[in-house]
């Protein structure tokens, strides 16, 4: 269960980072969604697991499509976000 939590933590963090490049609605809330999903697993709340799995899956699918459509040399995202 701890390994699942660690994996979800990484997915949530990466989704939050990608929100600043792609501005996909709801993606910045992905860390909260994965935290709720983990707690739903821990407390065996099957309905919450289903609901948040669908939400997280849809957001990750949209993010994957956006990343796939982006030219490879643009993979760093919006370079102005990294200017100091």
Protein backbone atom coordinates (compact mmCIF):
# COMPACT_ATOMS: atom_id res chain seq x y z
CA UNK A 1 0.00 0.00 0.00
CA UNK A 2 2.94 2.33 0.69
CA UNK A 3 4.40 1.63 -2.77
CA UNK A 4 1.05 2.53 -4.35
CA UNK A 5 1.02 5.77 -2.37
CA UNK A 6 4.54 6.61 -3.55
CA UNK A 7 3.60 5.93 -7.17
CA UNK A 8 0.50 8.10 -6.88
CA UNK A 9 2.57 10.86 -5.26
CA UNK A 10 4.91 10.90 -8.27
CA UNK A 11 2.01 10.92 -10.75
CA UNK A 12 0.36 13.77 -8.85
CA UNK A 13 3.57 15.80 -8.77
CA UNK A 14 4.27 15.31 -12.47
CA UNK A 15 0.69 16.22 -13.34
CA UNK A 16 0.95 19.41 -11.30
CA UNK A 17 4.18 20.33 -13.11
CA UNK A 18 2.65 19.65 -16.52
CA UNK A 19 -0.33 21.88 -15.69
CA UNK A 20 1.90 24.94 -16.04
CA UNK A 21 2.87 23.91 -19.59
CA UNK A 22 -0.47 22.71 -20.96
CA UNK A 23 -3.13 24.44 -18.80
CA UNK A 24 -5.46 21.44 -18.83
CA UNK A 25 -8.47 22.12 -16.61
CA UNK A 26 -8.34 20.04 -13.43
CA UNK A 27 -4.76 18.90 -13.89
CA UNK A 28 -3.51 21.14 -11.09
CA UNK A 29 -5.92 19.33 -8.74
CA UNK A 30 -4.54 15.93 -9.74
CA UNK A 31 -2.35 15.63 -6.57
CA UNK A 32 -5.50 16.03 -4.46
CA UNK A 33 -7.34 13.48 -6.59
CA UNK A 34 -4.58 10.88 -6.23
CA UNK A 35 -4.40 11.49 -2.47
CA UNK A 36 -8.15 10.88 -2.19
CA UNK A 37 -7.75 7.78 -4.36
CA UNK A 38 -5.05 6.42 -2.06
CA UNK A 39 -7.14 7.04 1.05
CA UNK A 40 -10.12 5.38 -0.66
CA UNK A 41 -7.92 2.32 -1.28
CA UNK A 42 -6.73 2.30 2.33
CA UNK A 43 -10.24 2.62 3.78
CA UNK A 44 -11.75 0.25 1.16
CA UNK A 45 -14.25 2.70 -0.30
CA UNK A 46 -14.98 0.99 -3.62
CA UNK A 47 -17.24 3.71 -5.02
CA UNK A 48 -14.67 6.45 -4.37
CA UNK A 49 -11.95 4.28 -5.91
CA UNK A 50 -14.01 3.91 -9.08
CA UNK A 51 -14.93 7.60 -9.31
CA UNK A 52 -11.43 8.95 -8.74
CA UNK A 53 -9.83 6.29 -10.93
CA UNK A 54 -12.02 7.47 -13.80
CA UNK A 55 -11.28 11.16 -13.14
CA UNK A 56 -7.53 10.56 -12.87
CA UNK A 57 -7.53 8.30 -15.92
CA UNK A 58 -9.34 10.88 -18.07
CA UNK A 59 -6.99 13.67 -17.01
CA UNK A 60 -3.92 11.52 -17.70
CA UNK A 61 -5.37 10.53 -21.09
CA UNK A 62 -5.88 14.19 -22.03
CA UNK A 63 -2.35 15.00 -20.85
CA UNK A 64 -0.93 12.09 -22.84
CA UNK A 65 -2.70 13.24 -26.00
CA UNK A 66 -1.41 16.80 -25.52
CA UNK A 67 2.15 15.53 -25.00
CA UNK A 68 1.87 13.24 -28.03
CA UNK A 69 0.73 16.09 -30.31
CA UNK A 70 3.60 18.33 -29.20
CA UNK A 71 6.76 18.38 -31.39
CA UNK A 72 9.61 16.51 -29.77
CA UNK A 73 11.94 19.52 -29.63
CA UNK A 74 9.29 21.43 -27.63
CA UNK A 75 9.34 18.82 -24.86
CA UNK A 76 10.67 21.33 -22.34
CA UNK A 77 7.29 23.07 -22.57
CA UNK A 78 6.93 26.83 -22.22
CA UNK A 79 10.53 28.03 -21.97
CA UNK A 80 9.44 31.43 -20.64
CA UNK A 81 8.41 29.69 -17.40
CA UNK A 82 12.08 28.84 -16.81
CA UNK A 83 13.48 32.36 -17.35
CA UNK A 84 14.80 34.00 -14.19
